[in-house]
Amino acid sequence: MITLLLIVLLSYLIGSIPTSIIVGKALRGIDIRQHGSGNAGGTNVFRVLGWKPGVFVMAFDVFKGFAATFWVARIAIDPAPVGFEIVQLIAGCAVIFGHIWTIFAGFRGGKGVGTAAGMLLALYPVALLICAIVFALVLTATRIVSISSISAALTLPLVLTIFRFVLDQPTALPLYIFSFFASSLIIFTHRSNIKRLLQGTENKFGRKK
């Protein structure tokens, strides 16, 4: 039980590293949440600070998700009460929660897309590749990151459903169930974007607010 608690704590703390806020303070002395879209994510850093800081933040957010799911989940102080796949999912959830509700910045973090991508990279790279392709295609067509992120999130459970029930590919049931939760969480964190989309006021990628 100590193992599982430690994994959850470390994963949450890794997710809580407020990359975009740190970069904003270091480069411009600003709180990135007070500029652009107001979100503490890589896209807003890209918009406000430029492509190099934006790429760094996005890459580090992906790394956070991967690190917690792939490495932290392997900590073994005592026998975990559940199987390793469940431990990985728990670590992944904790790191995503840390990113969205970071303890280091008043529980106001990013939307969890990059960190979730890092988690998926550790768990199911093929599914991540398909989701990334959908993201890129939608972004190319619309130039709206929120629509692209939501589309990629919706693609995940669809892809795993096809793999599991149509192509008869081995897909762990916990991961399959988690895909619906992850998709719903990403949509939830984009609720303000959805509101702006309905109002026709959502920013397009590459255009400063």
N, C-alpha and C. Protein backbone atom coordinates (compact mmCIF):
# COMPACT_ATOMS: atom_id res chain seq x y z
N MET A 1 0.83 -1.22 0.00
CA MET A 1 0.00 0.00 0.00
C MET A 1 0.86 1.26 0.00
N ILE A 2 2.02 1.19 0.71
CA ILE A 2 2.94 2.32 0.72
C ILE A 2 3.42 2.63 -0.69
N THR A 3 3.69 1.58 -1.46
CA THR A 3 4.13 1.74 -2.84
C THR A 3 3.12 2.55 -3.64
N LEU A 4 1.86 2.15 -3.56
CA LEU A 4 0.83 2.81 -4.34
C LEU A 4 0.66 4.27 -3.93
N LEU A 5 0.68 4.54 -2.64
CA LEU A 5 0.55 5.92 -2.15
C LEU A 5 1.72 6.77 -2.62
N LEU A 6 2.92 6.20 -2.59
CA LEU A 6 4.10 6.94 -3.04
C LEU A 6 4.03 7.23 -4.53
N ILE A 7 3.58 6.26 -5.29
CA ILE A 7 3.44 6.44 -6.74
C ILE A 7 2.44 7.55 -7.05
N VAL A 8 1.32 7.54 -6.35
CA VAL A 8 0.30 8.58 -6.56
C VAL A 8 0.87 9.95 -6.22
N LEU A 9 1.54 10.05 -5.09
CA LEU A 9 2.09 11.33 -4.65
C LEU A 9 3.14 11.85 -5.62
N LEU A 10 4.11 11.00 -5.98
CA LEU A 10 5.17 11.43 -6.88
C LEU A 10 4.62 11.79 -8.26
N SER A 11 3.67 11.01 -8.75
CA SER A 11 3.08 11.27 -10.05
C SER A 11 2.34 12.60 -10.05
N TYR A 12 1.58 12.84 -8.98
CA TYR A 12 0.86 14.11 -8.87
C TYR A 12 1.83 15.29 -8.83
N LEU A 13 2.91 15.15 -8.07
CA LEU A 13 3.88 16.24 -7.95
C LEU A 13 4.60 16.50 -9.28
N ILE A 14 4.91 15.43 -10.00
CA ILE A 14 5.52 15.59 -11.33
C ILE A 14 4.56 16.32 -12.25
N GLY A 15 3.30 15.90 -12.24
CA GLY A 15 2.30 16.57 -13.07
C GLY A 15 2.11 18.02 -12.68
N SER A 16 2.32 18.30 -11.39
CA SER A 16 2.09 19.65 -10.87
C SER A 16 3.18 20.65 -11.25
N ILE A 17 4.28 20.17 -11.78
CA ILE A 17 5.34 21.11 -12.20
C ILE A 17 4.74 22.08 -13.21
N PRO A 18 4.58 23.36 -12.88
CA PRO A 18 3.88 24.31 -13.76
C PRO A 18 4.82 24.84 -14.85
N THR A 19 5.11 24.00 -15.82
CA THR A 19 6.12 24.32 -16.84
C THR A 19 5.88 25.67 -17.50
N SER A 20 4.65 25.89 -17.96
CA SER A 20 4.36 27.12 -18.69
C SER A 20 4.50 28.35 -17.80
N ILE A 21 4.12 28.22 -16.54
CA ILE A 21 4.22 29.35 -15.61
C ILE A 21 5.68 29.66 -15.31
N ILE A 22 6.48 28.62 -15.12
CA ILE A 22 7.91 28.80 -14.87
C ILE A 22 8.58 29.47 -16.07
N VAL A 23 8.26 29.00 -17.27
CA VAL A 23 8.85 29.57 -18.49
C VAL A 23 8.43 31.03 -18.66
N GLY A 24 7.16 31.31 -18.41
CA GLY A 24 6.68 32.69 -18.52
C GLY A 24 7.38 33.62 -17.56
N LYS A 25 7.57 33.17 -16.32
CA LYS A 25 8.27 33.97 -15.32
C LYS A 25 9.73 34.15 -15.71
N ALA A 26 10.37 33.08 -16.18
CA ALA A 26 11.80 33.12 -16.50
C ALA A 26 12.11 34.00 -17.70
N LEU A 27 11.26 33.94 -18.72
CA LEU A 27 11.55 34.66 -19.96
C LEU A 27 11.04 36.10 -19.97
N ARG A 28 9.85 36.31 -19.40
CA ARG A 28 9.24 37.64 -19.48
C ARG A 28 8.83 38.22 -18.13
N GLY A 29 8.97 37.43 -17.07
CA GLY A 29 8.52 37.91 -15.78
C GLY A 29 7.02 38.05 -15.68
N ILE A 30 6.28 37.20 -16.42
CA ILE A 30 4.82 37.29 -16.45
C ILE A 30 4.19 35.98 -15.98
N ASP A 31 2.94 36.07 -15.57
CA ASP A 31 2.13 34.89 -15.30
C ASP A 31 1.38 34.59 -16.58
N ILE A 32 1.72 33.50 -17.24
CA ILE A 32 1.15 33.18 -18.55
C ILE A 32 -0.37 33.10 -18.50
N ARG A 33 -0.93 32.86 -17.31
CA ARG A 33 -2.39 32.74 -17.18
C ARG A 33 -3.09 34.09 -17.26
N GLN A 34 -2.31 35.17 -17.25
CA GLN A 34 -2.88 36.51 -17.37
C GLN A 34 -2.71 37.08 -18.78
N HIS A 35 -2.31 36.22 -19.70
CA HIS A 35 -2.09 36.65 -21.08
C HIS A 35 -2.69 35.64 -22.05
N GLY A 36 -2.88 36.09 -23.28
CA GLY A 36 -3.41 35.19 -24.30
C GLY A 36 -4.76 34.63 -23.93
N SER A 37 -4.87 33.31 -23.98
CA SER A 37 -6.13 32.64 -23.67
C SER A 37 -6.34 32.50 -22.17
N GLY A 38 -5.28 32.77 -21.38
CA GLY A 38 -5.39 32.62 -19.93
C GLY A 38 -5.12 31.22 -19.44
N ASN A 39 -4.74 30.33 -20.35
CA ASN A 39 -4.50 28.93 -19.97
C ASN A 39 -3.01 28.69 -19.75
N ALA A 40 -2.71 27.85 -18.77
CA ALA A 40 -1.31 27.52 -18.47
C ALA A 40 -0.89 26.29 -19.26
N GLY A 41 -0.93 26.41 -20.57
CA GLY A 41 -0.58 25.28 -21.42
C GLY A 41 0.37 25.68 -22.53
N GLY A 42 0.87 24.68 -23.26
CA GLY A 42 1.84 24.93 -24.30
C GLY A 42 1.33 25.81 -25.43
N THR A 43 0.07 25.66 -25.79
CA THR A 43 -0.48 26.46 -26.89
C THR A 43 -0.46 27.94 -26.55
N ASN A 44 -0.82 28.26 -25.32
CA ASN A 44 -0.82 29.67 -24.92
C ASN A 44 0.61 30.22 -24.84
N VAL A 45 1.56 29.39 -24.40
CA VAL A 45 2.96 29.80 -24.40
C VAL A 45 3.41 30.07 -25.83
N PHE A 46 3.03 29.21 -26.74
CA PHE A 46 3.34 29.38 -28.15
C PHE A 46 2.81 30.72 -28.65
N ARG A 47 1.59 31.04 -28.26
CA ARG A 47 0.94 32.26 -28.71
C ARG A 47 1.60 33.51 -28.11
N VAL A 48 1.92 33.45 -26.83
CA VAL A 48 2.39 34.64 -26.11
C VAL A 48 3.91 34.80 -26.19
N LEU A 49 4.65 33.70 -26.07
CA LEU A 49 6.10 33.78 -25.96
C LEU A 49 6.86 33.35 -27.21
N GLY A 50 6.18 32.67 -28.12
CA GLY A 50 6.86 32.23 -29.33
C GLY A 50 6.96 30.72 -29.43
N TRP A 51 7.42 30.27 -30.61
CA TRP A 51 7.37 28.84 -30.88
C TRP A 51 8.40 28.03 -30.09
N LYS A 52 9.58 28.59 -29.84
CA LYS A 52 10.60 27.82 -29.10
C LYS A 52 10.16 27.53 -27.67
N PRO A 53 9.75 28.53 -26.88
CA PRO A 53 9.24 28.21 -25.54
C PRO A 53 8.02 27.32 -25.60
N GLY A 54 7.16 27.53 -26.62
CA GLY A 54 5.95 26.72 -26.74
C GLY A 54 6.27 25.25 -26.96
N VAL A 55 7.22 24.98 -27.85
CA VAL A 55 7.61 23.59 -28.12
C VAL A 55 8.24 22.97 -26.88
N PHE A 56 9.06 23.74 -26.16
CA PHE A 56 9.68 23.22 -24.94
C PHE A 56 8.62 22.83 -23.92
N VAL A 57 7.65 23.71 -23.69
CA VAL A 57 6.61 23.44 -22.71
C VAL A 57 5.79 22.21 -23.12
N MET A 58 5.41 22.15 -24.39
CA MET A 58 4.64 21.00 -24.87
C MET A 58 5.41 19.70 -24.68
N ALA A 59 6.70 19.72 -25.04
CA ALA A 59 7.53 18.52 -24.93
C ALA A 59 7.69 18.10 -23.47
N PHE A 60 7.89 19.07 -22.59
CA PHE A 60 8.07 18.73 -21.18
C PHE A 60 6.78 18.20 -20.56
N ASP A 61 5.64 18.74 -20.98
CA ASP A 61 4.37 18.25 -20.48
C ASP A 61 4.14 16.79 -20.91
N VAL A 62 4.52 16.48 -22.14
CA VAL A 62 4.44 15.09 -22.60
C VAL A 62 5.38 14.21 -21.77
N PHE A 63 6.58 14.72 -21.52
CA PHE A 63 7.56 13.97 -20.72
C PHE A 63 7.03 13.68 -19.32
N LYS A 64 6.33 14.64 -18.71
CA LYS A 64 5.78 14.43 -17.37
C LYS A 64 4.85 13.21 -17.37
N GLY A 65 3.96 13.16 -18.35
CA GLY A 65 3.03 12.04 -18.42
C GLY A 65 3.73 10.72 -18.63
N PHE A 66 4.74 10.72 -19.50
CA PHE A 66 5.49 9.50 -19.78
C PHE A 66 6.28 9.05 -18.56
N ALA A 67 6.96 10.01 -17.91
CA ALA A 67 7.82 9.68 -16.78
C ALA A 67 7.05 9.03 -15.65
N ALA A 68 5.89 9.59 -15.33
CA ALA A 68 5.09 9.04 -14.23
C ALA A 68 4.57 7.64 -14.57
N THR A 69 4.08 7.49 -15.79
CA THR A 69 3.45 6.22 -16.18
C THR A 69 4.46 5.12 -16.43
N PHE A 70 5.60 5.48 -16.99
CA PHE A 70 6.59 4.47 -17.37
C PHE A 70 7.59 4.17 -16.25
N TRP A 71 8.05 5.21 -15.54
CA TRP A 71 9.09 5.02 -14.53
C TRP A 71 8.56 5.01 -13.10
N VAL A 72 7.81 6.04 -12.74
CA VAL A 72 7.34 6.12 -11.36
C VAL A 72 6.47 4.92 -11.01
N ALA A 73 5.68 4.45 -11.97
CA ALA A 73 4.79 3.31 -11.72
C ALA A 73 5.56 2.04 -11.38
N ARG A 74 6.86 2.01 -11.64
CA ARG A 74 7.67 0.82 -11.38
C ARG A 74 8.27 0.78 -9.97
N ILE A 75 8.04 1.84 -9.18
CA ILE A 75 8.53 1.84 -7.81
C ILE A 75 7.92 0.67 -7.04
N ALA A 76 8.74 -0.02 -6.29
CA ALA A 76 8.25 -1.19 -5.55
C ALA A 76 8.88 -1.24 -4.16
N ILE A 77 8.20 -0.65 -3.20
CA ILE A 77 8.64 -0.73 -1.81
C ILE A 77 8.01 -1.94 -1.14
N ASP A 78 6.74 -2.12 -1.41
CA ASP A 78 6.03 -3.31 -0.94
C ASP A 78 5.09 -3.74 -2.06
N PRO A 79 4.54 -4.92 -2.01
CA PRO A 79 3.65 -5.40 -3.08
C PRO A 79 2.43 -4.49 -3.23
N ALA A 80 2.17 -4.07 -4.46
CA ALA A 80 0.99 -3.24 -4.72
C ALA A 80 -0.26 -4.10 -4.64
N PRO A 81 -1.37 -3.52 -4.17
CA PRO A 81 -2.60 -4.31 -4.02
C PRO A 81 -3.30 -4.60 -5.35
N VAL A 82 -2.81 -4.02 -6.44
CA VAL A 82 -3.40 -4.25 -7.76
C VAL A 82 -2.29 -4.58 -8.75
N GLY A 83 -2.68 -5.02 -9.96
CA GLY A 83 -1.71 -5.37 -10.98
C GLY A 83 -0.97 -4.16 -11.54
N PHE A 84 0.13 -4.43 -12.26
CA PHE A 84 0.97 -3.36 -12.77
C PHE A 84 0.23 -2.45 -13.75
N GLU A 85 -0.62 -3.01 -14.59
CA GLU A 85 -1.36 -2.18 -15.54
C GLU A 85 -2.25 -1.17 -14.81
N ILE A 86 -2.86 -1.62 -13.72
CA ILE A 86 -3.69 -0.71 -12.94
C ILE A 86 -2.83 0.36 -12.27
N VAL A 87 -1.66 -0.04 -11.79
CA VAL A 87 -0.74 0.92 -11.18
C VAL A 87 -0.35 1.99 -12.19
N GLN A 88 -0.08 1.59 -13.42
CA GLN A 88 0.27 2.55 -14.47
C GLN A 88 -0.87 3.53 -14.72
N LEU A 89 -2.09 3.01 -14.76
CA LEU A 89 -3.25 3.88 -14.98
C LEU A 89 -3.43 4.85 -13.82
N ILE A 90 -3.22 4.36 -12.60
CA ILE A 90 -3.34 5.22 -11.43
C ILE A 90 -2.28 6.32 -11.47
N ALA A 91 -1.04 5.95 -11.81
CA ALA A 91 0.03 6.93 -11.93
C ALA A 91 -0.29 7.94 -13.02
N GLY A 92 -0.83 7.44 -14.13
CA GLY A 92 -1.19 8.33 -15.23
C GLY A 92 -2.28 9.31 -14.85
N CYS A 93 -3.29 8.81 -14.15
CA CYS A 93 -4.36 9.71 -13.70
C CYS A 93 -3.81 10.76 -12.74
N ALA A 94 -2.92 10.35 -11.84
CA ALA A 94 -2.36 11.28 -10.86
C ALA A 94 -1.54 12.37 -11.53
N VAL A 95 -0.76 12.01 -12.55
CA VAL A 95 0.06 13.01 -13.22
C VAL A 95 -0.80 13.99 -14.03
N ILE A 96 -1.87 13.48 -14.62
CA ILE A 96 -2.79 14.37 -15.36
C ILE A 96 -3.50 15.31 -14.40
N PHE A 97 -3.97 14.76 -13.28
CA PHE A 97 -4.63 15.61 -12.27
C PHE A 97 -3.67 16.69 -11.77
N GLY A 98 -2.40 16.31 -11.58
CA GLY A 98 -1.41 17.28 -11.13
C GLY A 98 -1.23 18.40 -12.14
N HIS A 99 -1.24 18.06 -13.41
CA HIS A 99 -1.08 19.08 -14.45
C HIS A 99 -2.28 20.02 -14.50
N ILE A 100 -3.46 19.47 -14.38
CA ILE A 100 -4.68 20.28 -14.47
C ILE A 100 -4.89 21.09 -13.20
N TRP A 101 -4.66 20.45 -12.06
CA TRP A 101 -4.87 21.12 -10.76
C TRP A 101 -3.55 21.12 -9.99
N THR A 102 -2.60 21.96 -10.44
CA THR A 102 -1.28 21.97 -9.85
C THR A 102 -1.27 22.63 -8.47
N ILE A 103 -0.68 21.95 -7.53
CA ILE A 103 -0.62 22.45 -6.15
C ILE A 103 0.33 23.65 -6.05
N PHE A 104 1.22 23.80 -7.04
CA PHE A 104 2.21 24.87 -7.01
C PHE A 104 1.71 26.18 -7.60
N ALA A 105 0.50 26.20 -8.11
CA ALA A 105 0.01 27.43 -8.75
C ALA A 105 -1.49 27.61 -8.50
N GLY A 106 -1.89 27.43 -7.23
CA GLY A 106 -3.28 27.67 -6.87
C GLY A 106 -4.27 26.74 -7.53
N PHE A 107 -3.80 25.53 -7.89
CA PHE A 107 -4.66 24.51 -8.53
C PHE A 107 -5.23 24.99 -9.86
N ARG A 108 -4.50 25.86 -10.55
CA ARG A 108 -4.89 26.35 -11.88
C ARG A 108 -3.79 26.00 -12.87
N GLY A 109 -3.95 24.87 -13.54
CA GLY A 109 -2.93 24.42 -14.48
C GLY A 109 -3.44 24.40 -15.90
N GLY A 110 -2.93 23.46 -16.68
CA GLY A 110 -3.31 23.35 -18.08
C GLY A 110 -4.51 22.44 -18.28
N LYS A 111 -4.71 22.05 -19.52
CA LYS A 111 -5.89 21.25 -19.86
C LYS A 111 -5.60 19.75 -19.91
N GLY A 112 -4.35 19.37 -19.77
CA GLY A 112 -4.02 17.95 -19.63
C GLY A 112 -3.77 17.19 -20.90
N VAL A 113 -3.82 17.85 -22.06
CA VAL A 113 -3.69 17.12 -23.32
C VAL A 113 -2.29 16.56 -23.50
N GLY A 114 -1.26 17.41 -23.33
CA GLY A 114 0.11 16.95 -23.51
C GLY A 114 0.49 15.87 -22.51
N THR A 115 0.10 16.06 -21.25
CA THR A 115 0.43 15.07 -20.22
C THR A 115 -0.29 13.75 -20.49
N ALA A 116 -1.53 13.82 -20.94
CA ALA A 116 -2.26 12.61 -21.30
C ALA A 116 -1.60 11.91 -22.48
N ALA A 117 -1.06 12.70 -23.42
CA ALA A 117 -0.36 12.12 -24.56
C ALA A 117 0.88 11.37 -24.09
N GLY A 118 1.59 11.93 -23.11
CA GLY A 118 2.76 11.26 -22.57
C GLY A 118 2.39 9.96 -21.88
N MET A 119 1.28 9.97 -21.17
CA MET A 119 0.79 8.75 -20.53
C MET A 119 0.47 7.69 -21.58
N LEU A 120 -0.20 8.10 -22.64
CA LEU A 120 -0.59 7.16 -23.69
C LEU A 120 0.64 6.64 -24.43
N LEU A 121 1.67 7.49 -24.54
CA LEU A 121 2.92 7.05 -25.16
C LEU A 121 3.51 5.87 -24.40
N ALA A 122 3.39 5.89 -23.09
CA ALA A 122 3.91 4.80 -22.27
C ALA A 122 3.03 3.57 -22.31
N LEU A 123 1.72 3.77 -22.50
CA LEU A 123 0.78 2.66 -22.41
C LEU A 123 0.44 2.03 -23.76
N TYR A 124 0.22 2.87 -24.78
CA TYR A 124 -0.27 2.36 -26.06
C TYR A 124 0.16 3.31 -27.18
N PRO A 125 1.43 3.25 -27.60
CA PRO A 125 1.96 4.18 -28.60
C PRO A 125 1.20 4.21 -29.92
N VAL A 126 0.69 3.07 -30.35
CA VAL A 126 -0.04 3.03 -31.61
C VAL A 126 -1.31 3.88 -31.54
N ALA A 127 -2.03 3.77 -30.43
CA ALA A 127 -3.23 4.58 -30.23
C ALA A 127 -2.88 6.06 -30.20
N LEU A 128 -1.76 6.39 -29.56
CA LEU A 128 -1.32 7.79 -29.52
C LEU A 128 -1.02 8.30 -30.92
N LEU A 129 -0.38 7.48 -31.73
CA LEU A 129 -0.05 7.89 -33.10
C LEU A 129 -1.31 8.21 -33.89
N ILE A 130 -2.32 7.38 -33.75
CA ILE A 130 -3.57 7.62 -34.47
C ILE A 130 -4.24 8.90 -33.98
N CYS A 131 -4.26 9.10 -32.67
CA CYS A 131 -4.84 10.32 -32.10
C CYS A 131 -4.06 11.55 -32.56
N ALA A 132 -2.73 11.43 -32.65
CA ALA A 132 -1.90 12.54 -33.10
C ALA A 132 -2.17 12.88 -34.56
N ILE A 133 -2.40 11.87 -35.37
CA ILE A 133 -2.73 12.10 -36.78
C ILE A 133 -4.06 12.84 -36.90
N VAL A 134 -5.05 12.41 -36.11
CA VAL A 134 -6.35 13.08 -36.11
C VAL A 134 -6.18 14.54 -35.67
N PHE A 135 -5.40 14.75 -34.61
CA PHE A 135 -5.13 16.11 -34.13
C PHE A 135 -4.54 16.97 -35.24
N ALA A 136 -3.53 16.43 -35.92
CA ALA A 136 -2.85 17.20 -36.97
C ALA A 136 -3.78 17.51 -38.13
N LEU A 137 -4.58 16.54 -38.53
CA LEU A 137 -5.50 16.75 -39.65
C LEU A 137 -6.55 17.80 -39.33
N VAL A 138 -7.11 17.71 -38.13
CA VAL A 138 -8.14 18.68 -37.73
C VAL A 138 -7.53 20.08 -37.58
N LEU A 139 -6.32 20.14 -37.01
CA LEU A 139 -5.65 21.43 -36.85
C LEU A 139 -5.34 22.05 -38.20
N THR A 140 -4.91 21.24 -39.15
CA THR A 140 -4.63 21.74 -40.49
C THR A 140 -5.89 22.30 -41.15
N ALA A 141 -7.00 21.61 -40.92
CA ALA A 141 -8.26 22.02 -41.55
C ALA A 141 -8.89 23.23 -40.88
N THR A 142 -8.76 23.33 -39.55
CA THR A 142 -9.49 24.38 -38.82
C THR A 142 -8.61 25.46 -38.21
N ARG A 143 -7.34 25.10 -37.94
CA ARG A 143 -6.40 25.98 -37.23
C ARG A 143 -6.89 26.34 -35.83
N ILE A 144 -7.72 25.47 -35.26
CA ILE A 144 -8.23 25.68 -33.91
C ILE A 144 -7.77 24.52 -33.04
N VAL A 145 -6.91 24.82 -32.07
CA VAL A 145 -6.29 23.77 -31.25
C VAL A 145 -7.32 23.05 -30.39
N SER A 146 -8.30 23.79 -29.86
CA SER A 146 -9.28 23.15 -28.98
C SER A 146 -10.09 22.09 -29.71
N ILE A 147 -10.51 22.38 -30.93
CA ILE A 147 -11.25 21.38 -31.71
C ILE A 147 -10.36 20.17 -31.99
N SER A 148 -9.10 20.44 -32.29
CA SER A 148 -8.16 19.36 -32.58
C SER A 148 -7.95 18.49 -31.35
N SER A 149 -7.82 19.11 -30.17
CA SER A 149 -7.62 18.36 -28.94
C SER A 149 -8.85 17.52 -28.60
N ILE A 150 -10.03 18.11 -28.74
CA ILE A 150 -11.27 17.39 -28.45
C ILE A 150 -11.45 16.23 -29.43
N SER A 151 -11.12 16.47 -30.70
CA SER A 151 -11.24 15.41 -31.71
C SER A 151 -10.30 14.25 -31.39
N ALA A 152 -9.07 14.58 -30.99
CA ALA A 152 -8.11 13.53 -30.63
C ALA A 152 -8.59 12.76 -29.40
N ALA A 153 -9.16 13.48 -28.43
CA ALA A 153 -9.65 12.83 -27.22
C ALA A 153 -10.80 11.88 -27.54
N LEU A 154 -11.69 12.28 -28.41
CA LEU A 154 -12.81 11.42 -28.81
C LEU A 154 -12.33 10.22 -29.63
N THR A 155 -11.20 10.40 -30.31
CA THR A 155 -10.66 9.32 -31.13
C THR A 155 -10.15 8.16 -30.28
N LEU A 156 -9.62 8.47 -29.09
CA LEU A 156 -9.00 7.42 -28.27
C LEU A 156 -9.95 6.27 -27.95
N PRO A 157 -11.10 6.50 -27.33
CA PRO A 157 -11.98 5.36 -27.05
C PRO A 157 -12.49 4.68 -28.32
N LEU A 158 -12.66 5.46 -29.39
CA LEU A 158 -13.10 4.87 -30.66
C LEU A 158 -12.06 3.91 -31.21
N VAL A 159 -10.79 4.34 -31.17
CA VAL A 159 -9.70 3.49 -31.66
C VAL A 159 -9.60 2.21 -30.84
N LEU A 160 -9.65 2.35 -29.51
CA LEU A 160 -9.53 1.16 -28.67
C LEU A 160 -10.73 0.23 -28.83
N THR A 161 -11.90 0.80 -29.10
CA THR A 161 -13.09 -0.02 -29.37
C THR A 161 -12.88 -0.84 -30.64
N ILE A 162 -12.35 -0.19 -31.68
CA ILE A 162 -12.09 -0.90 -32.94
C ILE A 162 -11.03 -1.97 -32.74
N PHE A 163 -9.96 -1.62 -32.03
CA PHE A 163 -8.91 -2.60 -31.78
C PHE A 163 -9.45 -3.81 -31.02
N ARG A 164 -10.27 -3.54 -30.00
CA ARG A 164 -10.71 -4.60 -29.09
C ARG A 164 -11.80 -5.48 -29.70
N PHE A 165 -12.76 -4.87 -30.38
CA PHE A 165 -13.95 -5.63 -30.80
C PHE A 165 -14.01 -5.91 -32.30
N VAL A 166 -13.30 -5.14 -33.10
CA VAL A 166 -13.34 -5.34 -34.55
C VAL A 166 -12.08 -6.07 -35.03
N LEU A 167 -10.92 -5.56 -34.62
CA LEU A 167 -9.67 -6.16 -35.08
C LEU A 167 -9.17 -7.26 -34.15
N ASP A 168 -9.87 -7.44 -33.03
CA ASP A 168 -9.53 -8.49 -32.07
C ASP A 168 -8.08 -8.37 -31.59
N GLN A 169 -7.65 -7.13 -31.36
CA GLN A 169 -6.31 -6.88 -30.84
C GLN A 169 -6.36 -6.90 -29.31
N PRO A 170 -5.31 -7.42 -28.68
CA PRO A 170 -5.30 -7.47 -27.21
C PRO A 170 -5.24 -6.07 -26.60
N THR A 171 -6.33 -5.67 -25.98
CA THR A 171 -6.41 -4.36 -25.33
C THR A 171 -6.91 -4.59 -23.92
N ALA A 172 -6.11 -4.25 -22.94
CA ALA A 172 -6.48 -4.48 -21.54
C ALA A 172 -7.78 -3.76 -21.21
N LEU A 173 -8.66 -4.46 -20.52
CA LEU A 173 -9.96 -3.88 -20.16
C LEU A 173 -9.82 -2.60 -19.34
N PRO A 174 -8.91 -2.55 -18.34
CA PRO A 174 -8.77 -1.29 -17.59
C PRO A 174 -8.40 -0.11 -18.48
N LEU A 175 -7.50 -0.34 -19.45
CA LEU A 175 -7.11 0.74 -20.36
C LEU A 175 -8.28 1.15 -21.24
N TYR A 176 -9.05 0.17 -21.67
CA TYR A 176 -10.22 0.46 -22.51
C TYR A 176 -11.23 1.32 -21.74
N ILE A 177 -11.49 0.95 -20.50
CA ILE A 177 -12.42 1.73 -19.67
C ILE A 177 -11.85 3.13 -19.41
N PHE A 178 -10.54 3.18 -19.14
CA PHE A 178 -9.90 4.46 -18.87
C PHE A 178 -10.00 5.41 -20.05
N SER A 179 -9.98 4.88 -21.26
CA SER A 179 -10.01 5.74 -22.44
C SER A 179 -11.26 6.62 -22.46
N PHE A 180 -12.37 6.10 -21.97
CA PHE A 180 -13.61 6.89 -21.92
C PHE A 180 -13.50 7.98 -20.86
N PHE A 181 -12.89 7.63 -19.73
CA PHE A 181 -12.69 8.62 -18.67
C PHE A 181 -11.76 9.73 -19.14
N ALA A 182 -10.64 9.36 -19.77
CA ALA A 182 -9.67 10.35 -20.24
C ALA A 182 -10.30 11.28 -21.27
N SER A 183 -11.06 10.70 -22.19
CA SER A 183 -11.72 11.50 -23.21
C SER A 183 -12.69 12.50 -22.58
N SER A 184 -13.46 12.03 -21.61
CA SER A 184 -14.42 12.91 -20.93
C SER A 184 -13.71 14.02 -20.16
N LEU A 185 -12.57 13.68 -19.53
CA LEU A 185 -11.81 14.67 -18.75
C LEU A 185 -11.27 15.77 -19.66
N ILE A 186 -10.73 15.39 -20.81
CA ILE A 186 -10.19 16.39 -21.75
C ILE A 186 -11.31 17.30 -22.25
N ILE A 187 -12.46 16.73 -22.53
CA ILE A 187 -13.59 17.55 -22.97
C ILE A 187 -14.02 18.50 -21.84
N PHE A 188 -14.01 17.99 -20.60
CA PHE A 188 -14.37 18.83 -19.46
C PHE A 188 -13.41 20.01 -19.31
N THR A 189 -12.12 19.78 -19.46
CA THR A 189 -11.16 20.87 -19.30
C THR A 189 -11.26 21.88 -20.44
N HIS A 190 -11.92 21.51 -21.52
CA HIS A 190 -12.10 22.42 -22.66
C HIS A 190 -13.49 23.05 -22.67
N ARG A 191 -14.18 23.03 -21.55
CA ARG A 191 -15.55 23.55 -21.54
C ARG A 191 -15.62 25.04 -21.90
N SER A 192 -14.63 25.83 -21.46
CA SER A 192 -14.63 27.25 -21.82
C SER A 192 -14.37 27.41 -23.31
N ASN A 193 -13.52 26.54 -23.87
CA ASN A 193 -13.27 26.59 -25.31
C ASN A 193 -14.52 26.23 -26.10
N ILE A 194 -15.25 25.24 -25.60
CA ILE A 194 -16.49 24.83 -26.27
C ILE A 194 -17.49 25.99 -26.29
N LYS A 195 -17.54 26.72 -25.18
CA LYS A 195 -18.43 27.88 -25.10
C LYS A 195 -18.03 28.92 -26.14
N ARG A 196 -16.72 29.19 -26.27
CA ARG A 196 -16.26 30.16 -27.26
C ARG A 196 -16.48 29.66 -28.68
N LEU A 197 -16.35 28.36 -28.88
CA LEU A 197 -16.61 27.80 -30.20
C LEU A 197 -18.05 28.02 -30.61
N LEU A 198 -18.96 27.81 -29.66
CA LEU A 198 -20.38 28.02 -29.94
C LEU A 198 -20.69 29.49 -30.21
N GLN A 199 -19.90 30.36 -29.58
CA GLN A 199 -20.09 31.80 -29.77
C GLN A 199 -19.33 32.34 -30.98
N GLY A 200 -18.47 31.49 -31.55
CA GLY A 200 -17.69 31.91 -32.71
C GLY A 200 -16.53 32.82 -32.37
N THR A 201 -16.05 32.77 -31.12
CA THR A 201 -14.98 33.68 -30.69
C THR A 201 -13.68 32.94 -30.34
N GLU A 202 -13.61 31.66 -30.62
CA GLU A 202 -12.41 30.89 -30.28
C GLU A 202 -11.23 31.31 -31.16
N ASN A 203 -10.04 31.43 -30.53
CA ASN A 203 -8.84 31.83 -31.27
C ASN A 203 -8.39 30.73 -32.22
N LYS A 204 -7.80 31.16 -33.33
CA LYS A 204 -7.18 30.22 -34.25
C LYS A 204 -5.68 30.19 -34.01
N PHE A 205 -5.09 29.04 -34.26
CA PHE A 205 -3.67 28.86 -34.00
C PHE A 205 -2.85 29.79 -34.88
N GLY A 206 -1.86 30.46 -34.25
CA GLY A 206 -1.01 31.37 -35.00
C GLY A 206 -1.48 32.80 -34.98
N ARG A 207 -2.64 33.02 -34.35
CA ARG A 207 -3.17 34.38 -34.26
C ARG A 207 -3.16 34.82 -32.81
N LYS A 208 -2.53 35.95 -32.52
CA LYS A 208 -2.48 36.46 -31.16
C LYS A 208 -3.81 37.04 -30.77
N LYS A 209 -4.16 36.81 -29.48
CA LYS A 209 -5.43 37.31 -28.98
C LYS A 209 -5.33 38.79 -28.71
